[in-house]
Amino acid sequence: MSHTAWAPGQREHQLEQLTSAAQHWDVIVAGGGITGAGIAREAARRGLKVLLLERQDFAWGTSSRSSKMVHGGLRYIAAGDVKTTMHSVQERERLMTEAPGLVDQMGYLMAHYKGGFPGPFVFNTLLRIYDFFAGKRYRHYFKRDDFGFLSPLLNENALIGGTQFADAVTDDARLVVRVLREAQKDGAVVLNYVGVKQLLKDGEQVVGARVEDVLSGEGYDVKADVVINATGAWADELRGQMTDEKKIRPARGSHIVVPAWRLPVAQSFTAMHPDDKRPIFIFPWEGRTVIGTTDLDNNGIDNSEASMTRAELDYLLKVALYQFPKADLTEKDIISSWAGVRPLVSSGALNPSKEKRDHSVWDDKGLVSVSGGKLTTFRLIALDALEAARKYIKRFPAGEFGAQIFTPSVSSHKKYLALPGYVQKRLSGHFGMDLDALLDLAKDGELDVIPGSRTLWAELRWSAANESVIHLDDLLLRRTRLGLLLEQGGLGFIEKIRAVCAEELGWNDAQFQQELERYQAIWNKYYSIPK
């Protein structure tokens, strides 16, 4: 499918396909986060006719508000779940190999203090298993004096040394978009702001869904062999049409973003919080420093965004000051915040941190629901969901279809070859098959970086023109991450953003003003500092 699949005007054409009485889908996927994207990608590569619907924007929920880490999960080894760690580490290695520039290795540092847990021996024993699964040795132990050189701002009181190991970091929302593009390439139809409202049944059997275009309010009856519910933290909502069983425990994780110069870290530090001894990450991301995450019950969930509380803000600042007292970080240093809701599968544990992070699949007579799991293992989660759905799909193909997720991105474009190597890597990783088309669209000066970020102006233009941007928040919070990286959500560049939206989205001044007011309200309520 060409790069125009999401261009302005194409959405209406795709919606028309839903009105055809003769149209029948093999699979309807409800949910446009990383799990739904992975399912659509795996189903489409098998030649199935796939329709993915997201009632908000792609990656609007958990998949744009994670901790941005593609990691194996040392906690699984400590809990005795060696199989999950092995799968996670292997998928991490796969993603780093397939998508450099989008999923990249990041060093992790764990400072060891006298009397602290885990001590160097226990921690390095766990890492020995971790590295065995990766087939590489990443771990290295530093004595006190050597470890201190890695961060001059580190708390050195009772420090005995530190351990370095490795995991990976990503832009989670861009990862979702790139996986969706792979699904589109293989024929999937992918729509945002279209939600599954009601399951269609023949007796007890699910045979499709009543869907609604959120923008127009128009509804469509869409027939399918199976509906896969990949709505994550919202999975009980759709599944509630088939059963009274409730399985999801929404848990909120919040983060704060500060300038890198105020808290400079070249690698991710794992800091044990002084109050509850939970591990908190302090890590570099997109030229900024991120501190997170909390882990609290969200006390229910609805179709609105999550936001951080004052208590969480104080909690995160406290651990940053504990680990890096010389930085003297204050609330005034915070650029932005974000809060995501994890879909934990409830086992009745008293604390959400004690719930398992593995995924679960439920089969309810043609509605296959999947929830839980990790960003890292989205491909394996997708395969499990498809295997459960297989018995409903009339023409499920036999054979092996490979494990490679992404089409290799290679360019000999004149503009590409003129860029520094690290920018080439970023663009190749973030945009994959669309790389040359992005460069063709870029205007003079648009291969420059937007100050305060690592994003190029060309990325903003490409996303506006070709990535199903409906609202300004889609563009600034998910297609690009300018709303998280720049002061006041990027409004210092609003005139340049306005010009791009006028040229690529056709927004007049009144439309842009309406979108700007919407964006400011969202940013102030959910992405700034809580009042």
Protein backbone atom coordinates (compact mmCIF):
# COMPACT_ATOMS: atom_id res chain seq x y z
CA MET A 1 0.00 0.00 0.00
CA SER A 2 1.37 3.43 -0.87
CA HIS A 3 2.37 6.08 1.60
CA THR A 4 -0.88 7.93 0.84
CA ALA A 5 -2.95 5.40 2.86
CA TRP A 6 -3.30 7.94 5.70
CA ALA A 7 -3.16 11.16 3.66
CA PRO A 8 -5.97 13.71 4.10
CA GLY A 9 -9.05 12.54 2.20
CA GLN A 10 -8.19 8.84 2.32
CA ARG A 11 -10.06 8.30 5.57
CA GLU A 12 -13.40 9.01 3.90
CA HIS A 13 -12.59 6.51 1.13
CA GLN A 14 -11.75 3.83 3.68
CA LEU A 15 -14.95 4.50 5.63
CA GLU A 16 -16.92 3.94 2.44
CA GLN A 17 -15.57 0.39 2.36
CA LEU A 18 -17.33 -0.28 5.65
CA THR A 19 -20.74 0.53 4.15
CA SER A 20 -20.53 -2.14 1.45
CA ALA A 21 -22.96 -4.97 2.20
CA ALA A 22 -20.66 -7.41 0.37
CA GLN A 23 -17.67 -6.50 2.52
CA HIS A 24 -16.59 -9.24 4.92
CA TRP A 25 -13.46 -9.17 7.05
CA ASP A 26 -11.49 -12.10 8.38
CA VAL A 27 -10.47 -10.13 11.47
CA ILE A 28 -11.62 -6.93 13.16
CA VAL A 29 -9.01 -5.67 15.64
CA ALA A 30 -10.35 -3.26 18.28
CA GLY A 31 -7.52 -1.13 19.66
CA GLY A 32 -4.72 0.83 17.99
CA GLY A 33 -1.96 0.49 20.57
CA ILE A 34 1.10 -1.72 20.24
CA THR A 35 -0.84 -4.94 20.87
CA GLY A 36 -3.48 -4.20 18.24
CA ALA A 37 -0.81 -3.01 15.81
CA GLY A 38 1.14 -6.23 16.32
CA ILE A 39 -1.97 -8.36 15.73
CA ALA A 40 -2.86 -6.44 12.55
CA ARG A 41 0.70 -6.78 11.28
CA GLU A 42 0.81 -10.57 11.89
CA ALA A 43 -2.69 -11.16 10.48
CA ALA A 44 -2.10 -9.08 7.35
CA ARG A 45 1.20 -10.77 6.55
CA ARG A 46 -0.74 -14.07 6.48
CA GLY A 47 -2.98 -12.69 3.76
CA LEU A 48 -5.99 -12.20 6.03
CA LYS A 49 -8.41 -9.35 5.40
CA VAL A 50 -7.85 -7.12 8.44
CA LEU A 51 -9.66 -4.06 9.76
CA LEU A 52 -8.10 -2.27 12.75
CA LEU A 53 -10.18 0.36 14.55
CA GLU A 54 -9.14 2.77 17.30
CA ARG A 55 -11.78 4.97 18.91
CA GLN A 56 -9.20 7.59 19.91
CA ASP A 57 -5.88 8.17 18.18
CA PHE A 58 -3.31 5.47 17.49
CA ALA A 59 -1.21 4.83 20.63
CA TRP A 60 -3.45 7.28 22.53
CA GLY A 61 -3.56 5.11 25.64
CA THR A 62 -0.78 3.15 27.28
CA SER A 63 1.30 2.85 24.11
CA SER A 64 2.27 6.53 24.00
CA ARG A 65 2.69 6.86 27.77
CA SER A 66 4.94 3.97 28.73
CA SER A 67 8.41 4.28 30.22
CA LYS A 68 9.83 4.05 26.66
CA MET A 69 11.84 0.95 27.59
CA VAL A 70 12.22 -2.24 25.61
CA HIS A 71 13.61 -4.45 28.34
CA GLY A 72 13.89 -8.06 29.36
CA GLY A 73 12.63 -7.65 32.90
CA LEU A 74 15.14 -8.53 35.59
CA ARG A 75 12.24 -8.71 38.06
CA TYR A 76 10.96 -11.83 36.28
CA ILE A 77 14.18 -13.72 37.05
CA ALA A 78 13.99 -12.65 40.68
CA ALA A 79 10.38 -13.92 40.77
CA GLY A 80 11.40 -17.25 39.20
CA ASP A 81 9.72 -16.56 35.84
CA VAL A 82 12.75 -17.37 33.72
CA LYS A 83 10.71 -18.14 30.57
CA THR A 84 9.23 -14.62 30.37
CA THR A 85 12.68 -13.08 30.82
CA MET A 86 14.14 -15.27 28.09
CA HIS A 87 11.40 -14.33 25.61
CA SER A 88 11.68 -10.64 26.50
CA VAL A 89 15.45 -10.51 26.11
CA GLN A 90 15.29 -12.31 22.78
CA GLU A 91 12.60 -9.94 21.47
CA ARG A 92 14.64 -6.96 22.70
CA GLU A 93 17.64 -8.17 20.72
CA ARG A 94 15.44 -8.72 17.64
CA LEU A 95 14.02 -5.19 17.79
CA MET A 96 17.43 -3.58 18.22
CA THR A 97 18.66 -5.51 15.16
CA GLU A 98 15.61 -4.79 12.98
CA ALA A 99 14.91 -1.18 13.91
CA PRO A 100 18.10 0.69 14.85
CA GLY A 101 17.29 4.35 15.35
CA LEU A 102 13.89 3.44 16.78
CA VAL A 103 14.87 0.75 19.30
CA ASP A 104 18.41 1.33 20.54
CA GLN A 105 20.62 -0.09 23.24
CA MET A 106 20.80 2.00 26.41
CA GLY A 107 23.22 1.51 29.26
CA TYR A 108 21.72 1.00 32.71
CA LEU A 109 23.49 1.71 35.98
CA MET A 110 22.69 0.38 39.43
CA ALA A 111 24.50 2.01 42.35
CA HIS A 112 25.24 -0.31 45.29
CA TYR A 113 25.22 1.10 48.82
CA LYS A 114 26.39 -0.48 52.05
CA GLY A 115 23.54 -2.60 53.45
CA GLY A 116 21.39 -2.02 50.35
CA PHE A 117 19.45 -4.65 48.43
CA PRO A 118 20.15 -6.13 46.01
CA GLY A 119 23.88 -6.22 46.69
CA PRO A 120 26.51 -6.55 43.97
CA PHE A 121 26.76 -10.36 44.19
CA VAL A 122 23.01 -11.02 43.92
CA PHE A 123 22.51 -8.40 41.22
CA ASN A 124 25.36 -9.62 39.04
CA THR A 125 24.20 -13.23 39.43
CA LEU A 126 20.82 -12.21 37.93
CA LEU A 127 22.60 -10.33 35.16
CA ARG A 128 24.63 -13.43 34.30
CA ILE A 129 21.35 -15.17 33.35
CA TYR A 130 20.16 -12.01 31.55
CA ASP A 131 23.28 -11.88 29.39
CA PHE A 132 23.12 -15.63 28.71
CA PHE A 133 19.68 -15.19 27.10
CA ALA A 134 20.98 -12.27 25.02
CA GLY A 135 24.04 -14.21 23.87
CA LYS A 136 26.17 -11.19 24.79
CA ARG A 137 27.91 -9.92 27.89
CA TYR A 138 26.65 -6.46 28.77
CA ARG A 139 27.29 -6.47 32.53
CA HIS A 140 30.29 -4.81 34.14
CA TYR A 141 31.00 -4.03 37.78
CA PHE A 142 32.71 -0.77 38.78
CA LYS A 143 34.40 -0.07 42.09
CA ARG A 144 33.34 3.03 44.01
CA ASP A 145 35.88 5.49 42.58
CA ASP A 146 35.39 4.36 38.99
CA PHE A 147 31.60 4.36 39.30
CA GLY A 148 31.62 7.93 40.59
CA PHE A 149 33.09 9.12 37.30
CA LEU A 150 29.92 7.99 35.50
CA SER A 151 27.91 10.69 37.26
CA PRO A 152 29.52 13.44 39.32
CA LEU A 153 26.11 14.33 40.83
CA LEU A 154 25.54 10.87 42.31
CA ASN A 155 24.83 10.31 46.00
CA GLU A 156 28.15 8.90 47.27
CA ASN A 157 27.13 8.40 50.89
CA ALA A 158 27.89 4.72 51.75
CA LEU A 159 28.47 3.97 48.03
CA ILE A 160 30.48 0.77 47.51
CA GLY A 161 30.33 0.52 43.71
CA GLY A 162 27.95 0.04 40.84
CA THR A 163 26.92 -2.29 38.04
CA GLN A 164 26.39 -1.45 34.38
CA PHE A 165 24.18 -3.57 32.15
CA ALA A 166 22.04 -2.98 29.06
CA ASP A 167 18.46 -2.87 27.84
CA ALA A 168 16.90 -0.72 25.12
CA VAL A 169 14.94 2.52 24.72
CA THR A 170 12.36 3.55 22.12
CA ASP A 171 9.76 6.12 21.14
CA ASP A 172 6.71 3.99 21.92
CA ALA A 173 4.20 5.94 19.80
CA ARG A 174 6.51 5.90 16.78
CA LEU A 175 6.97 2.16 17.25
CA VAL A 176 3.18 1.74 17.02
CA VAL A 177 2.97 3.83 13.84
CA ARG A 178 5.78 1.92 12.17
CA VAL A 179 4.17 -1.46 12.99
CA LEU A 180 0.84 -0.17 11.65
CA ARG A 181 2.56 0.88 8.43
CA GLU A 182 3.84 -2.68 8.02
CA ALA A 183 0.26 -3.93 8.46
CA GLN A 184 -0.95 -1.43 5.84
CA LYS A 185 1.76 -2.54 3.42
CA ASP A 186 0.32 -6.06 3.60
CA GLY A 187 -3.24 -4.83 3.01
CA ALA A 188 -4.73 -4.03 6.41
CA VAL A 189 -7.19 -1.13 6.66
CA VAL A 190 -6.30 0.95 9.71
CA LEU A 191 -8.56 3.75 11.03
CA ASN A 192 -8.32 6.03 14.04
CA TYR A 193 -11.31 7.78 15.65
CA VAL A 194 -13.54 4.83 14.74
CA GLY A 195 -14.64 2.71 17.69
CA VAL A 196 -16.27 -0.70 18.18
CA LYS A 197 -19.56 0.12 19.90
CA GLN A 198 -21.48 -3.16 19.94
CA LEU A 199 -20.74 -6.75 19.05
CA LEU A 200 -22.96 -8.31 16.38
CA LYS A 201 -24.12 -11.83 17.21
CA ASP A 202 -25.79 -14.76 15.50
CA GLY A 203 -27.29 -16.44 18.52
CA GLU A 204 -24.40 -16.63 21.00
CA GLN A 205 -21.71 -16.31 18.32
CA VAL A 206 -19.94 -13.03 17.54
CA VAL A 207 -20.14 -12.33 13.80
CA GLY A 208 -18.94 -8.74 13.59
CA ALA A 209 -19.37 -5.35 15.19
CA ARG A 210 -21.38 -2.16 15.10
CA VAL A 211 -18.76 0.56 14.73
CA GLU A 212 -18.98 4.33 15.01
CA ASP A 213 -17.08 7.11 13.30
CA VAL A 214 -16.34 9.32 16.30
CA LEU A 215 -16.00 12.42 14.11
CA SER A 216 -19.38 12.19 12.37
CA GLY A 217 -21.32 9.94 14.74
CA GLU A 218 -22.24 7.69 11.81
CA GLY A 219 -22.51 3.97 12.52
CA TYR A 220 -21.75 0.91 10.41
CA ASP A 221 -22.45 -2.81 10.80
CA VAL A 222 -19.28 -4.69 9.85
CA LYS A 223 -19.22 -8.48 9.45
CA ALA A 224 -16.17 -10.54 10.38
CA ASP A 225 -15.15 -14.09 11.26
CA VAL A 226 -13.69 -12.92 14.58
CA VAL A 227 -13.28 -9.77 16.64
CA ILE A 228 -10.02 -9.42 18.57
CA ASN A 229 -10.26 -7.12 21.57
CA ALA A 230 -6.83 -5.49 21.98
CA THR A 231 -7.98 -2.47 23.97
CA GLY A 232 -5.55 -3.08 26.83
CA ALA A 233 -6.61 -1.39 30.04
CA TRP A 234 -10.11 -1.00 28.55
CA ALA A 235 -10.50 -4.72 27.65
CA ASP A 236 -13.21 -5.42 30.25
CA GLU A 237 -15.42 -2.79 28.59
CA LEU A 238 -15.90 -4.68 25.30
CA ARG A 239 -15.60 -8.10 26.90
CA GLY A 240 -18.41 -7.10 29.27
CA GLN A 241 -20.83 -7.64 26.35
CA MET A 242 -20.03 -11.37 26.58
CA THR A 243 -19.32 -12.04 30.26
CA ASP A 244 -19.60 -10.46 33.71
CA GLU A 245 -16.03 -11.50 34.54
CA LYS A 246 -13.70 -8.58 35.24
CA LYS A 247 -10.00 -9.27 34.86
CA ILE A 248 -8.22 -5.94 34.35
CA ARG A 249 -6.61 -3.97 37.16
CA PRO A 250 -5.68 -0.53 35.75
CA ALA A 251 -2.44 0.72 37.32
CA ARG A 252 -1.14 4.24 36.74
CA GLY A 253 2.49 5.00 36.04
CA SER A 254 3.58 8.66 35.95
CA HIS A 255 6.74 10.38 34.73
CA ILE A 256 8.28 13.85 34.75
CA VAL A 257 10.59 15.41 32.14
CA VAL A 258 13.39 17.85 33.01
CA PRO A 259 16.14 19.53 30.95
CA ALA A 260 19.21 17.34 30.47
CA TRP A 261 21.47 20.12 31.71
CA ARG A 262 19.66 20.16 35.06
CA LEU A 263 20.07 16.42 35.58
CA PRO A 264 22.63 15.12 33.06
CA VAL A 265 22.66 11.34 32.70
CA ALA A 266 24.24 9.54 29.77
CA GLN A 267 22.71 6.21 30.83
CA SER A 268 19.65 5.09 32.76
CA PHE A 269 20.08 5.01 36.53
CA THR A 270 18.02 2.55 38.56
CA ALA A 271 17.38 4.33 41.86
CA MET A 272 15.76 2.61 44.83
CA HIS A 273 13.20 5.00 46.29
CA PRO A 274 14.05 5.86 49.92
CA ASP A 275 10.41 5.47 51.05
CA ASP A 276 9.34 2.10 49.64
CA LYS A 277 12.52 0.72 47.99
CA ARG A 278 10.82 0.52 44.58
CA PRO A 279 13.16 0.88 41.59
CA ILE A 280 12.72 4.17 39.72
CA PHE A 281 14.43 4.95 36.41
CA ILE A 282 16.19 8.23 35.71
CA PHE A 283 17.16 8.12 32.05
CA PRO A 284 18.01 10.14 28.92
CA TRP A 285 15.31 10.32 26.23
CA GLU A 286 15.12 12.52 23.14
CA GLY A 287 17.62 15.01 24.58
CA ARG A 288 15.83 15.33 27.93
CA THR A 289 15.95 13.48 31.26
CA VAL A 290 12.94 11.44 32.35
CA ILE A 291 12.14 10.31 35.91
CA GLY A 292 9.61 7.51 36.43
CA THR A 293 7.60 5.56 37.12
CA THR A 294 5.04 5.35 39.88
CA ASP A 295 2.85 2.24 40.25
CA LEU A 296 -0.58 2.91 41.74
CA ASP A 297 -4.09 1.58 41.34
CA ASN A 298 -5.95 3.93 39.00
CA ASN A 299 -9.33 3.23 40.66
CA GLY A 300 -11.23 2.55 37.47
CA ILE A 301 -10.86 3.80 33.94
CA ASP A 302 -12.97 5.68 31.40
CA ASN A 303 -12.51 7.16 27.95
CA SER A 304 -10.41 10.09 29.18
CA GLU A 305 -6.70 10.59 29.74
CA ALA A 306 -4.84 9.78 32.93
CA SER A 307 -2.87 12.44 34.77
CA MET A 308 -0.28 12.60 37.51
CA THR A 309 -1.19 13.67 41.05
CA ARG A 310 0.70 16.03 43.35
CA ALA A 311 1.65 13.07 45.54
CA GLU A 312 3.25 11.32 42.55
CA LEU A 313 5.11 14.49 41.59
CA ASP A 314 6.55 14.78 45.12
CA TYR A 315 7.42 11.07 45.09
CA LEU A 316 9.41 11.34 41.87
CA LEU A 317 11.21 14.53 42.88
CA LYS A 318 12.16 12.90 46.17
CA VAL A 319 13.90 9.95 44.54
CA ALA A 320 15.73 12.23 42.09
CA LEU A 321 17.02 14.34 44.98
CA TYR A 322 17.96 11.22 46.93
CA GLN A 323 19.97 9.70 44.08
CA PHE A 324 21.38 13.00 42.77
CA PRO A 325 21.41 15.45 45.71
CA LYS A 326 23.94 17.77 44.05
CA ALA A 327 21.51 18.47 41.19
CA ASP A 328 19.17 20.30 43.61
CA LEU A 329 16.23 19.65 41.29
CA THR A 330 13.02 21.61 41.95
CA GLU A 331 9.47 21.68 40.62
CA LYS A 332 10.34 24.71 38.49
CA ASP A 333 12.70 22.55 36.42
CA ILE A 334 9.92 20.28 35.16
CA ILE A 335 9.07 20.69 31.45
CA SER A 336 6.17 18.24 31.28
CA SER A 337 4.66 15.09 32.73
CA TRP A 338 2.75 12.10 31.47
CA ALA A 339 0.72 9.33 33.06
CA GLY A 340 -0.15 6.01 31.47
CA VAL A 341 -2.44 3.22 32.66
CA ARG A 342 -1.04 -0.31 32.55
CA PRO A 343 -3.45 -3.19 31.90
CA LEU A 344 -2.48 -5.54 34.71
CA VAL A 345 -4.31 -8.87 34.82
CA SER A 346 -5.63 -9.04 38.37
CA SER A 347 -4.69 -11.90 40.65
CA GLY A 348 -5.81 -10.17 43.83
CA ALA A 349 -2.36 -8.98 44.94
CA LEU A 350 -2.50 -6.23 47.54
CA ASN A 351 -0.04 -4.02 45.61
CA PRO A 352 -0.16 -3.46 41.80
CA SER A 353 3.64 -3.78 41.76
CA LYS A 354 3.17 -7.42 42.79
CA GLU A 355 0.84 -8.30 39.91
CA LYS A 356 2.31 -10.36 37.08
CA ARG A 357 3.27 -8.50 33.89
CA ASP A 358 2.58 -11.40 31.54
CA HIS A 359 -0.36 -11.28 29.12
CA SER A 360 -3.58 -13.30 29.14
CA VAL A 361 -5.97 -14.33 26.33
CA TRP A 362 -9.71 -15.02 26.76
CA ASP A 363 -11.98 -16.63 24.16
CA ASP A 364 -15.68 -15.71 24.36
CA LYS A 365 -17.46 -17.27 21.34
CA GLY A 366 -15.88 -15.21 18.60
CA LEU A 367 -14.58 -12.38 20.74
CA VAL A 368 -10.92 -13.01 21.52
CA SER A 369 -9.58 -10.63 24.16
CA VAL A 370 -5.93 -10.09 25.02
CA SER A 371 -4.47 -7.84 27.70
CA GLY A 372 -1.49 -7.43 29.95
CA GLY A 373 2.05 -8.06 28.80
CA LYS A 374 4.96 -5.83 27.89
CA LEU A 375 5.81 -3.47 25.07
CA THR A 376 8.86 -5.63 24.37
CA THR A 377 6.93 -8.82 23.60
CA PHE A 378 4.15 -7.38 21.43
CA ARG A 379 4.95 -9.78 18.58
CA LEU A 380 4.60 -12.85 20.82
CA ILE A 381 1.37 -11.46 22.30
CA ALA A 382 0.00 -10.98 18.77
CA LEU A 383 0.84 -14.57 17.84
CA ASP A 384 -0.95 -15.91 20.94
CA ALA A 385 -4.05 -13.82 20.17
CA LEU A 386 -4.10 -15.01 16.55
CA GLU A 387 -3.71 -18.62 17.61
CA ALA A 388 -6.80 -18.25 19.84
CA ALA A 389 -8.69 -16.61 16.95
CA ARG A 390 -7.61 -19.22 14.43
CA LYS A 391 -10.54 -21.59 14.91
CA TYR A 392 -13.01 -18.85 13.91
CA ILE A 393 -11.21 -17.73 10.75
CA LYS A 394 -12.50 -19.66 7.75
CA ARG A 395 -9.44 -19.22 5.55
CA PHE A 396 -6.57 -19.17 8.00
CA PRO A 397 -3.48 -20.07 5.93
CA ALA A 398 -1.02 -22.81 6.77
CA GLY A 399 2.74 -22.38 6.70
CA GLU A 400 5.45 -20.23 8.22
CA PHE A 401 5.45 -16.49 7.63
CA GLY A 402 8.73 -15.40 9.18
CA ALA A 403 9.43 -13.46 12.32
CA GLN A 404 10.84 -10.22 10.88
CA ILE A 405 8.62 -7.33 11.90
CA PHE A 406 10.00 -4.46 9.83
CA THR A 407 10.84 -3.95 6.18
CA PRO A 408 14.53 -2.98 6.00
CA SER A 409 15.03 0.73 5.38
CA VAL A 410 17.83 1.61 2.97
CA SER A 411 18.19 4.94 1.18
CA SER A 412 20.49 6.41 -1.45
CA HIS A 413 18.51 9.68 -1.47
CA LYS A 414 20.72 12.70 -2.07
CA LYS A 415 19.27 14.53 0.97
CA TYR A 416 19.78 11.44 3.13
CA LEU A 417 23.43 11.01 2.21
CA ALA A 418 24.09 14.65 3.13
CA LEU A 419 22.83 14.14 6.70
CA PRO A 420 25.02 13.24 9.70
CA GLY A 421 25.07 9.52 10.48
CA TYR A 422 23.09 9.82 13.72
CA VAL A 423 20.30 11.72 11.90
CA GLN A 424 20.26 9.10 9.13
CA LYS A 425 19.85 6.39 11.76
CA ARG A 426 17.02 8.25 13.48
CA LEU A 427 15.04 8.89 10.30
CA SER A 428 15.55 5.36 9.04
CA GLY A 429 14.39 3.89 12.35
CA HIS A 430 11.43 6.19 12.87
CA PHE A 431 10.05 6.15 9.32
CA GLY A 432 11.22 2.90 7.71
CA MET A 433 9.64 2.40 4.28
CA ASP A 434 8.51 6.06 4.19
CA LEU A 435 12.02 7.49 4.49
CA ASP A 436 12.54 8.58 0.87
CA ALA A 437 9.01 9.97 0.57
CA LEU A 438 9.62 12.04 3.73
CA LEU A 439 12.81 13.46 2.25
CA ASP A 440 11.03 14.29 -1.02
CA LEU A 441 8.40 16.24 0.93
CA ALA A 442 10.90 18.18 3.07
CA LYS A 443 11.27 21.85 2.19
CA ASP A 444 14.41 23.97 2.46
CA GLY A 445 15.63 24.17 6.06
CA GLU A 446 13.30 21.41 7.26
CA LEU A 447 16.10 18.92 7.82
CA ASP A 448 17.12 21.13 10.74
CA VAL A 449 16.37 20.08 14.30
CA ILE A 450 13.54 21.78 16.19
CA PRO A 451 15.34 23.45 19.13
CA GLY A 452 14.86 21.64 22.42
CA SER A 453 14.24 18.28 20.73
CA ARG A 454 15.83 15.85 18.31
CA THR A 455 12.88 16.11 15.93
CA LEU A 456 13.37 17.55 12.46
CA TRP A 457 10.89 19.98 10.94
CA ALA A 458 10.56 17.49 8.09
CA GLU A 459 9.17 14.89 10.53
CA LEU A 460 6.43 17.29 11.59
CA ARG A 461 5.47 17.98 7.97
CA TRP A 462 5.50 14.31 6.98
CA SER A 463 3.31 13.30 9.92
CA ALA A 464 0.79 16.06 9.21
CA ALA A 465 0.57 15.05 5.56
CA ASN A 466 0.65 11.26 5.77
CA GLU A 467 -0.07 9.85 9.23
CA SER A 468 -3.80 10.31 9.81
CA VAL A 469 -3.53 13.42 11.95
CA ILE A 470 -7.05 14.48 12.93
CA HIS A 471 -6.28 16.80 15.86
CA LEU A 472 -3.32 18.97 16.84
CA ASP A 473 -2.67 16.75 19.88
CA ASP A 474 -2.24 13.77 17.51
CA LEU A 475 0.58 15.68 15.83
CA LEU A 476 2.34 17.14 18.88
CA LEU A 477 1.86 14.41 21.48
CA ARG A 478 2.02 11.17 19.46
CA ARG A 479 3.30 11.48 15.86
CA THR A 480 6.02 13.78 17.20
CA ARG A 481 6.74 14.19 20.92
CA LEU A 482 7.17 17.95 20.92
CA GLY A 483 4.43 18.34 23.53
CA LEU A 484 6.52 16.33 26.00
CA LEU A 485 9.93 17.78 25.11
CA LEU A 486 9.33 21.52 24.75
CA GLU A 487 8.26 24.11 27.29
CA GLN A 488 4.53 24.84 27.23
CA GLY A 489 4.00 21.91 24.90
CA GLY A 490 5.83 23.53 21.98
CA LEU A 491 3.68 26.66 21.75
CA GLY A 492 6.83 28.74 21.27
CA PHE A 493 6.87 27.46 17.68
CA ILE A 494 3.16 27.75 17.12
CA GLU A 495 3.35 29.95 13.99
CA LYS A 496 5.57 27.48 12.16
CA ILE A 497 3.29 24.63 13.27
CA ARG A 498 0.28 26.63 12.06
CA ALA A 499 1.87 27.03 8.63
CA VAL A 500 2.55 23.29 8.29
CA CYS A 501 -1.02 22.43 9.33
CA ALA A 502 -2.44 24.92 6.80
CA GLU A 503 -0.34 23.51 3.98
CA GLU A 504 -0.69 19.79 4.70
CA LEU A 505 -4.04 19.50 6.50
CA GLY A 506 -5.84 22.42 4.88
CA TRP A 507 -6.74 24.00 8.23
CA ASN A 508 -7.83 27.62 7.98
CA ASP A 509 -7.23 30.10 10.81
CA ALA A 510 -10.54 29.29 12.52
CA GLN A 511 -9.88 25.54 12.42
CA PHE A 512 -6.37 25.96 13.72
CA GLN A 513 -7.56 28.20 16.55
CA GLN A 514 -10.14 25.58 17.56
CA GLU A 515 -7.46 22.87 17.52
CA LEU A 516 -5.05 25.08 19.44
CA GLU A 517 -7.58 25.67 22.21
CA ARG A 518 -8.29 21.93 22.40
CA TYR A 519 -4.56 21.15 22.57
CA GLN A 520 -3.86 23.73 25.26
CA ALA A 521 -6.70 22.37 27.41
CA ILE A 522 -5.39 18.79 27.06
CA TRP A 523 -1.79 19.75 27.71
CA ASN A 524 -2.59 21.90 30.75
CA LYS A 525 -4.75 19.21 32.33
CA TYR A 526 -2.80 16.03 31.56
CA TYR A 527 0.80 16.89 30.59
CA SER A 528 1.83 19.83 32.74
CA ILE A 529 2.55 19.99 36.48
CA PRO A 530 -0.51 19.09 38.58
CA LYS A 531 -1.88 22.00 40.57
